[in-house]
């Protein structure tokens, strides 16, 4: 009931329901991808009527918002701070899993389902002995920095996949500055001392991946001299 942001409401809907909503407003030419459908509906909500009445524009927006909320059904917004802690726990629980699911608002369902299966005895793993000889994260702040770098990497990948190259460039530039600042103010020598197979769980690895993708971003935008 408190949802009044049209863009946020549209983001809640999967592509098939967005198509239904777009057809309702005769936007069949908006495309088939989710972002294209969202952009088309947002443009419609900002259009002024023939008489340029602000009230008419607001009415269009209100109708789109109302129908989007009807399609979305009951929704719950989680508090960001506790959710961030929970997400970090899942990240630490299984570092090898991608953050894609989290970014897709799945909230780590796959990991939670696996934990449930193990705890109920429906899924078993072979016995093994853990020989932990290296400490991946030096402290809590080190883990938080790694999480932030992985989120930055995921945002860059997502923007590139959607063809949003200007946004990708902005994300890449921000990440590059963050990495230079990090190297300047923190001792990261412990990352170089880790075994090779553990270095992929460090901030240096994540930011290196971003910088590598930056080459393609700059090439796409023909910024060859940067």
C-alpha atoms as a PDB file:
ATOM      1  CA  UNK A   1       0.000   0.000   0.000  1.00  0.00           C
ATOM      2  CA  UNK A   2       2.942   2.332   0.603  1.00  0.00           C
ATOM      3  CA  UNK A   3       4.475   1.739  -2.818  1.00  0.00           C
ATOM      4  CA  UNK A   4       4.190   5.006  -4.758  1.00  0.00           C
ATOM      5  CA  UNK A   5       7.322   4.867  -6.915  1.00  0.00           C
ATOM      6  CA  UNK A   6       6.286   3.777 -10.414  1.00  0.00           C
ATOM      7  CA  UNK A   7       9.779   2.674 -11.467  1.00  0.00           C
ATOM      8  CA  UNK A   8      10.113   0.529  -8.352  1.00  0.00           C
ATOM      9  CA  UNK A   9       6.676  -1.005  -8.965  1.00  0.00           C
ATOM     10  CA  UNK A  10       7.542  -1.867 -12.571  1.00  0.00           C
ATOM     11  CA  UNK A  11      10.842  -3.393 -11.476  1.00  0.00           C
ATOM     12  CA  UNK A  12       8.906  -5.871  -9.322  1.00  0.00           C
ATOM     13  CA  UNK A  13       7.175  -7.351 -12.365  1.00  0.00           C
ATOM     14  CA  UNK A  14       8.704 -10.116 -14.506  1.00  0.00           C
ATOM     15  CA  UNK A  15       8.880  -9.607 -18.269  1.00  0.00           C
ATOM     16  CA  UNK A  16       5.676 -11.577 -19.135  1.00  0.00           C
ATOM     17  CA  UNK A  17       3.553  -9.427 -16.820  1.00  0.00           C
ATOM     18  CA  UNK A  18       5.224  -6.270 -18.101  1.00  0.00           C
ATOM     19  CA  UNK A  19       4.229  -7.315 -21.631  1.00  0.00           C
ATOM     20  CA  UNK A  20       0.620  -7.647 -20.497  1.00  0.00           C
ATOM     21  CA  UNK A  21       0.781  -4.208 -18.908  1.00  0.00           C
ATOM     22  CA  UNK A  22       2.401  -2.689 -22.020  1.00  0.00           C
ATOM     23  CA  UNK A  23      -0.310  -4.143 -24.283  1.00  0.00           C
ATOM     24  CA  UNK A  24      -2.955  -2.614 -22.022  1.00  0.00           C
ATOM     25  CA  UNK A  25      -1.554   0.805 -22.924  1.00  0.00           C
ATOM     26  CA  UNK A  26      -0.966  -0.129 -26.594  1.00  0.00           C
ATOM     27  CA  UNK A  27       2.825  -0.202 -26.259  1.00  0.00           C
ATOM     28  CA  UNK A  28       3.396  -3.287 -28.387  1.00  0.00           C
ATOM     29  CA  UNK A  29       6.427  -1.717 -30.066  1.00  0.00           C
ATOM     30  CA  UNK A  30       8.343  -1.132 -26.809  1.00  0.00           C
ATOM     31  CA  UNK A  31      10.352  -4.336 -27.217  1.00  0.00           C
ATOM     32  CA  UNK A  32      10.465  -7.687 -25.482  1.00  0.00           C
ATOM     33  CA  UNK A  33      13.231  -7.227 -22.904  1.00  0.00           C
ATOM     34  CA  UNK A  34      12.236  -6.221 -19.393  1.00  0.00           C
ATOM     35  CA  UNK A  35      14.204  -2.960 -19.397  1.00  0.00           C
ATOM     36  CA  UNK A  36      12.736  -1.960 -22.769  1.00  0.00           C
ATOM     37  CA  UNK A  37       9.214  -2.532 -21.465  1.00  0.00           C
ATOM     38  CA  UNK A  38       9.928  -0.578 -18.281  1.00  0.00           C
ATOM     39  CA  UNK A  39      11.412   2.323 -20.274  1.00  0.00           C
ATOM     40  CA  UNK A  40       8.370   2.408 -22.575  1.00  0.00           C
ATOM     41  CA  UNK A  41       5.931   2.545 -19.667  1.00  0.00           C
ATOM     42  CA  UNK A  42       7.969   5.217 -17.893  1.00  0.00           C
ATOM     43  CA  UNK A  43       8.027   7.353 -21.049  1.00  0.00           C
ATOM     44  CA  UNK A  44       4.261   7.015 -21.323  1.00  0.00           C
ATOM     45  CA  UNK A  45       3.815   8.076 -17.694  1.00  0.00           C
ATOM     46  CA  UNK A  46       5.756  11.290 -18.406  1.00  0.00           C
ATOM     47  CA  UNK A  47       3.872  12.246 -21.563  1.00  0.00           C
ATOM     48  CA  UNK A  48       1.700  15.322 -21.343  1.00  0.00           C
ATOM     49  CA  UNK A  49      -1.792  15.390 -22.733  1.00  0.00           C
ATOM     50  CA  UNK A  50      -2.870  17.395 -25.773  1.00  0.00           C
ATOM     51  CA  UNK A  51      -3.687  20.292 -23.472  1.00  0.00           C
ATOM     52  CA  UNK A  52      -0.464  19.881 -21.446  1.00  0.00           C
ATOM     53  CA  UNK A  53      -2.368  19.498 -18.228  1.00  0.00           C
ATOM     54  CA  UNK A  54      -0.211  18.286 -15.352  1.00  0.00           C
ATOM     55  CA  UNK A  55      -3.234  16.590 -13.817  1.00  0.00           C
ATOM     56  CA  UNK A  56      -3.741  14.468 -16.939  1.00  0.00           C
ATOM     57  CA  UNK A  57      -0.092  13.390 -16.854  1.00  0.00           C
ATOM     58  CA  UNK A  58      -0.425  12.440 -13.197  1.00  0.00           C
ATOM     59  CA  UNK A  59      -3.574  10.458 -14.009  1.00  0.00           C
ATOM     60  CA  UNK A  60      -1.708   8.356 -16.595  1.00  0.00           C
ATOM     61  CA  UNK A  61       1.025   7.667 -14.084  1.00  0.00           C
ATOM     62  CA  UNK A  62      -1.515   6.788 -11.398  1.00  0.00           C
ATOM     63  CA  UNK A  63      -3.330   4.325 -13.685  1.00  0.00           C
ATOM     64  CA  UNK A  64      -0.077   2.584 -14.688  1.00  0.00           C
ATOM     65  CA  UNK A  65       1.000   2.401 -11.039  1.00  0.00           C
ATOM     66  CA  UNK A  66      -2.360   0.996  -9.952  1.00  0.00           C
ATOM     67  CA  UNK A  67      -2.343  -1.744 -12.592  1.00  0.00           C
ATOM     68  CA  UNK A  68       1.307  -2.583 -11.905  1.00  0.00           C
ATOM     69  CA  UNK A  69       0.524  -3.026  -8.206  1.00  0.00           C
ATOM     70  CA  UNK A  70      -2.430  -5.244  -9.069  1.00  0.00           C
ATOM     71  CA  UNK A  71      -0.180  -7.478 -11.181  1.00  0.00           C
ATOM     72  CA  UNK A  72       2.525  -7.542  -8.498  1.00  0.00           C
ATOM     73  CA  UNK A  73       0.120  -8.629  -5.756  1.00  0.00           C
ATOM     74  CA  UNK A  74       1.169  -8.572  -2.102  1.00  0.00           C
ATOM     75  CA  UNK A  75       4.774  -7.443  -1.628  1.00  0.00           C
ATOM     76  CA  UNK A  76       7.033  -6.903   1.343  1.00  0.00           C
ATOM     77  CA  UNK A  77      10.008  -4.542   1.425  1.00  0.00           C
ATOM     78  CA  UNK A  78      12.849  -5.762   3.613  1.00  0.00           C
ATOM     79  CA  UNK A  79      14.920  -3.402   5.734  1.00  0.00           C
ATOM     80  CA  UNK A  80      18.215  -2.838   3.960  1.00  0.00           C
ATOM     81  CA  UNK A  81      20.598  -3.103   6.942  1.00  0.00           C
ATOM     82  CA  UNK A  82      19.478  -6.531   8.285  1.00  0.00           C
ATOM     83  CA  UNK A  83      19.161  -7.822   4.713  1.00  0.00           C
ATOM     84  CA  UNK A  84      22.750  -6.753   3.988  1.00  0.00           C
ATOM     85  CA  UNK A  85      24.017  -8.684   7.018  1.00  0.00           C
ATOM     86  CA  UNK A  86      22.028 -11.763   5.987  1.00  0.00           C
ATOM     87  CA  UNK A  87      23.375 -11.543   2.429  1.00  0.00           C
ATOM     88  CA  UNK A  88      26.923 -11.268   3.765  1.00  0.00           C
ATOM     89  CA  UNK A  89      26.416 -14.402   5.849  1.00  0.00           C
ATOM     90  CA  UNK A  90      25.318 -16.310   2.744  1.00  0.00           C
ATOM     91  CA  UNK A  91      28.301 -14.944   0.819  1.00  0.00           C
ATOM     92  CA  UNK A  92      30.671 -16.131   3.538  1.00  0.00           C
ATOM     93  CA  UNK A  93      28.868 -19.466   3.782  1.00  0.00           C
ATOM     94  CA  UNK A  94      29.543 -20.264   0.123  1.00  0.00           C
ATOM     95  CA  UNK A  95      32.128 -18.031  -1.514  1.00  0.00           C
ATOM     96  CA  UNK A  96      32.106 -20.076  -4.701  1.00  0.00           C
ATOM     97  CA  UNK A  97      28.466 -19.243  -5.471  1.00  0.00           C
ATOM     98  CA  UNK A  98      27.809 -16.290  -7.725  1.00  0.00           C
ATOM     99  CA  UNK A  99      26.010 -13.188  -6.487  1.00  0.00           C
ATOM    100  CA  UNK A 100      23.715 -13.294  -9.534  1.00  0.00           C
ATOM    101  CA  UNK A 101      20.863 -14.784  -7.535  1.00  0.00           C
ATOM    102  CA  UNK A 102      21.103 -12.093  -4.906  1.00  0.00           C
ATOM    103  CA  UNK A 103      21.079  -9.350  -7.532  1.00  0.00           C
ATOM    104  CA  UNK A 104      18.023 -10.945  -9.155  1.00  0.00           C
ATOM    105  CA  UNK A 105      16.171 -10.508  -5.848  1.00  0.00           C
ATOM    106  CA  UNK A 106      16.116 -14.252  -5.204  1.00  0.00           C
ATOM    107  CA  UNK A 107      17.601 -13.549  -1.795  1.00  0.00           C
ATOM    108  CA  UNK A 108      19.868 -16.597  -1.759  1.00  0.00           C
ATOM    109  CA  UNK A 109      16.995 -19.074  -2.076  1.00  0.00           C
ATOM    110  CA  UNK A 110      19.196 -21.693  -3.721  1.00  0.00           C
ATOM    111  CA  UNK A 111      21.701 -21.680  -0.864  1.00  0.00           C
ATOM    112  CA  UNK A 112      18.970 -21.695   1.766  1.00  0.00           C
ATOM    113  CA  UNK A 113      17.257 -24.626   0.051  1.00  0.00           C
ATOM    114  CA  UNK A 114      20.542 -26.553   0.005  1.00  0.00           C
ATOM    115  CA  UNK A 115      21.041 -25.894   3.728  1.00  0.00           C
ATOM    116  CA  UNK A 116      17.491 -27.077   4.408  1.00  0.00           C
ATOM    117  CA  UNK A 117      18.054 -30.306   2.458  1.00  0.00           C
ATOM    118  CA  UNK A 118      21.267 -31.012   4.354  1.00  0.00           C
ATOM    119  CA  UNK A 119      19.723 -30.301   7.745  1.00  0.00           C
ATOM    120  CA  UNK A 120      16.744 -32.550   6.969  1.00  0.00           C
ATOM    121  CA  UNK A 121      19.010 -35.380   5.827  1.00  0.00           C
ATOM    122  CA  UNK A 122      17.659 -35.392   2.263  1.00  0.00           C
ATOM    123  CA  UNK A 123      21.029 -34.324   0.865  1.00  0.00           C
ATOM    124  CA  UNK A 124      24.377 -35.657   2.025  1.00  0.00           C
ATOM    125  CA  UNK A 125      27.932 -34.889   1.034  1.00  0.00           C
ATOM    126  CA  UNK A 126      30.961 -37.208   1.275  1.00  0.00           C
ATOM    127  CA  UNK A 127      33.002 -36.908   4.463  1.00  0.00           C
ATOM    128  CA  UNK A 128      36.037 -34.707   4.052  1.00  0.00           C
ATOM    129  CA  UNK A 129      38.714 -33.130   6.192  1.00  0.00           C
ATOM    130  CA  UNK A 130      39.234 -29.381   6.042  1.00  0.00           C
ATOM    131  CA  UNK A 131      42.890 -28.387   6.033  1.00  0.00           C
ATOM    132  CA  UNK A 132      42.711 -24.648   6.435  1.00  0.00           C
ATOM    133  CA  UNK A 133      46.220 -23.272   6.126  1.00  0.00           C
ATOM    134  CA  UNK A 134      45.442 -19.729   4.999  1.00  0.00           C
ATOM    135  CA  UNK A 135      43.153 -17.003   6.300  1.00  0.00           C
ATOM    136  CA  UNK A 136      41.255 -15.516   3.354  1.00  0.00           C
ATOM    137  CA  UNK A 137      39.861 -12.483   5.193  1.00  0.00           C
ATOM    138  CA  UNK A 138      41.979 -10.676   7.752  1.00  0.00           C
ATOM    139  CA  UNK A 139      39.026  -9.158   9.612  1.00  0.00           C
ATOM    140  CA  UNK A 140      35.400  -8.072   9.249  1.00  0.00           C
ATOM    141  CA  UNK A 141      36.308  -4.946   7.266  1.00  0.00           C
ATOM    142  CA  UNK A 142      38.259  -7.061   4.809  1.00  0.00           C
ATOM    143  CA  UNK A 143      35.155  -9.181   4.165  1.00  0.00           C
ATOM    144  CA  UNK A 144      32.991  -6.077   3.727  1.00  0.00           C
ATOM    145  CA  UNK A 145      35.464  -4.650   1.196  1.00  0.00           C
ATOM    146  CA  UNK A 146      35.378  -7.939  -0.720  1.00  0.00           C
ATOM    147  CA  UNK A 147      31.572  -7.929  -0.743  1.00  0.00           C
ATOM    148  CA  UNK A 148      31.540  -4.344  -2.046  1.00  0.00           C
ATOM    149  CA  UNK A 149      34.005  -5.199  -4.813  1.00  0.00           C
ATOM    150  CA  UNK A 150      31.935  -8.220  -5.872  1.00  0.00           C
ATOM    151  CA  UNK A 151      28.782  -6.109  -6.001  1.00  0.00           C
ATOM    152  CA  UNK A 152      30.597  -3.568  -8.159  1.00  0.00           C
ATOM    153  CA  UNK A 153      31.682  -6.365 -10.487  1.00  0.00           C
ATOM    154  CA  UNK A 154      28.128  -7.679 -10.726  1.00  0.00           C
ATOM    155  CA  UNK A 155      26.771  -4.210 -11.506  1.00  0.00           C
ATOM    156  CA  UNK A 156      29.301  -3.734 -14.315  1.00  0.00           C
ATOM    157  CA  UNK A 157      28.505  -7.160 -15.794  1.00  0.00           C
ATOM    158  CA  UNK A 158      24.769  -6.456 -15.615  1.00  0.00           C
ATOM    159  CA  UNK A 159      25.098  -3.068 -17.352  1.00  0.00           C
ATOM    160  CA  UNK A 160      27.219  -4.621 -20.104  1.00  0.00           C
ATOM    161  CA  UNK A 161      24.744  -7.435 -20.670  1.00  0.00           C
ATOM    162  CA  UNK A 162      21.940  -4.886 -21.040  1.00  0.00           C
ATOM    163  CA  UNK A 163      23.983  -2.830 -23.468  1.00  0.00           C
ATOM    164  CA  UNK A 164      23.982   0.165 -21.110  1.00  0.00           C
ATOM    165  CA  UNK A 165      27.512   1.211 -21.985  1.00  0.00           C
ATOM    166  CA  UNK A 166      27.411   4.744 -20.578  1.00  0.00           C
ATOM    167  CA  UNK A 167      26.248   3.390 -17.227  1.00  0.00           C
ATOM    168  CA  UNK A 168      28.864   0.634 -17.443  1.00  0.00           C
ATOM    169  CA  UNK A 169      31.530   3.287 -18.009  1.00  0.00           C
ATOM    170  CA  UNK A 170      30.387   5.223 -14.955  1.00  0.00           C
ATOM    171  CA  UNK A 171      30.423   2.072 -12.824  1.00  0.00           C
ATOM    172  CA  UNK A 172      33.854   1.103 -14.155  1.00  0.00           C
ATOM    173  CA  UNK A 173      35.265   4.575 -13.445  1.00  0.00           C
ATOM    174  CA  UNK A 174      33.879   4.548  -9.902  1.00  0.00           C
ATOM    175  CA  UNK A 175      35.279   1.062  -9.255  1.00  0.00           C
ATOM    176  CA  UNK A 176      38.678   2.052 -10.644  1.00  0.00           C
ATOM    177  CA  UNK A 177      38.838   5.045  -8.287  1.00  0.00           C
ATOM    178  CA  UNK A 178      37.774   2.854  -5.354  1.00  0.00           C
ATOM    179  CA  UNK A 179      40.507   0.343  -6.170  1.00  0.00           C
ATOM    180  CA  UNK A 180      43.220   3.019  -6.413  1.00  0.00           C
ATOM    181  CA  UNK A 181      42.056   4.493  -3.105  1.00  0.00           C
ATOM    182  CA  UNK A 182      42.019   1.040  -1.514  1.00  0.00           C
ATOM    183  CA  UNK A 183      45.563   0.280  -2.630  1.00  0.00           C
ATOM    184  CA  UNK A 184      46.718   3.641  -1.302  1.00  0.00           C
ATOM    185  CA  UNK A 185      45.183   3.361   2.174  1.00  0.00           C
ATOM    186  CA  UNK A 186      45.323  -0.376   2.966  1.00  0.00           C
ATOM    187  CA  UNK A 187      48.019  -3.006   3.123  1.00  0.00           C
ATOM    188  CA  UNK A 188      46.886  -5.707   0.699  1.00  0.00           C
ATOM    189  CA  UNK A 189      50.094  -7.745   0.758  1.00  0.00           C
ATOM    190  CA  UNK A 190      48.293 -10.671   2.415  1.00  0.00           C
ATOM    191  CA  UNK A 191      46.300 -11.170  -0.794  1.00  0.00           C
ATOM    192  CA  UNK A 192      49.498 -11.834  -2.730  1.00  0.00           C
ATOM    193  CA  UNK A 193      50.579 -14.368  -0.118  1.00  0.00           C
ATOM    194  CA  UNK A 194      47.443 -16.485  -0.495  1.00  0.00           C
ATOM    195  CA  UNK A 195      47.544 -19.692  -2.555  1.00  0.00           C
ATOM    196  CA  UNK A 196      46.568 -19.037  -6.158  1.00  0.00           C
ATOM    197  CA  UNK A 197      43.215 -20.822  -5.846  1.00  0.00           C
ATOM    198  CA  UNK A 198      42.184 -18.530  -2.958  1.00  0.00           C
ATOM    199  CA  UNK A 199      43.099 -15.245  -4.596  1.00  0.00           C
ATOM    200  CA  UNK A 200      39.794 -15.213  -6.488  1.00  0.00           C
ATOM    201  CA  UNK A 201      38.144 -14.399  -3.138  1.00  0.00           C
ATOM    202  CA  UNK A 202      39.947 -11.084  -2.706  1.00  0.00           C
ATOM    203  CA  UNK A 203      39.154  -7.475  -3.533  1.00  0.00           C
ATOM    204  CA  UNK A 204      42.155  -7.354  -5.857  1.00  0.00           C
ATOM    205  CA  UNK A 205      40.735 -10.189  -7.961  1.00  0.00           C
ATOM    206  CA  UNK A 206      37.288  -8.571  -8.222  1.00  0.00           C
ATOM    207  CA  UNK A 207      38.635  -5.140  -9.161  1.00  0.00           C
ATOM    208  CA  UNK A 208      41.027  -6.703 -11.688  1.00  0.00           C
ATOM    209  CA  UNK A 209      38.014  -8.336 -13.349  1.00  0.00           C
ATOM    210  CA  UNK A 210      36.300  -4.929 -13.489  1.00  0.00           C
ATOM    211  CA  UNK A 211      39.379  -3.257 -14.998  1.00  0.00           C
ATOM    212  CA  UNK A 212      39.588  -6.033 -17.567  1.00  0.00           C
ATOM    213  CA  UNK A 213      35.970  -5.447 -18.580  1.00  0.00           C
ATOM    214  CA  UNK A 214      36.707  -1.741 -18.722  1.00  0.00           C
ATOM    215  CA  UNK A 215      38.768  -2.396 -21.858  1.00  0.00           C
ATOM    216  CA  UNK A 216      35.664  -3.624 -23.702  1.00  0.00           C
ATOM    217  CA  UNK A 217      33.556  -0.773 -22.311  1.00  0.00           C
ATOM    218  CA  UNK A 218      36.016   1.863 -23.534  1.00  0.00           C
ATOM    219  CA  UNK A 219      36.295   0.113 -26.880  1.00  0.00           C
ATOM    220  CA  UNK A 220      32.507   0.055 -27.309  1.00  0.00           C
ATOM    221  CA  UNK A 221      32.378   3.795 -26.613  1.00  0.00           C
ATOM    222  CA  UNK A 222      35.392   4.406 -28.899  1.00  0.00           C
ATOM    223  CA  UNK A 223      37.371   6.005 -26.092  1.00  0.00           C
ATOM    224  CA  UNK A 224      40.645   4.531 -27.286  1.00  0.00           C
ATOM    225  CA  UNK A 225      42.925   7.110 -25.664  1.00  0.00           C
ATOM    226  CA  UNK A 226      41.656   6.618 -22.092  1.00  0.00           C
END
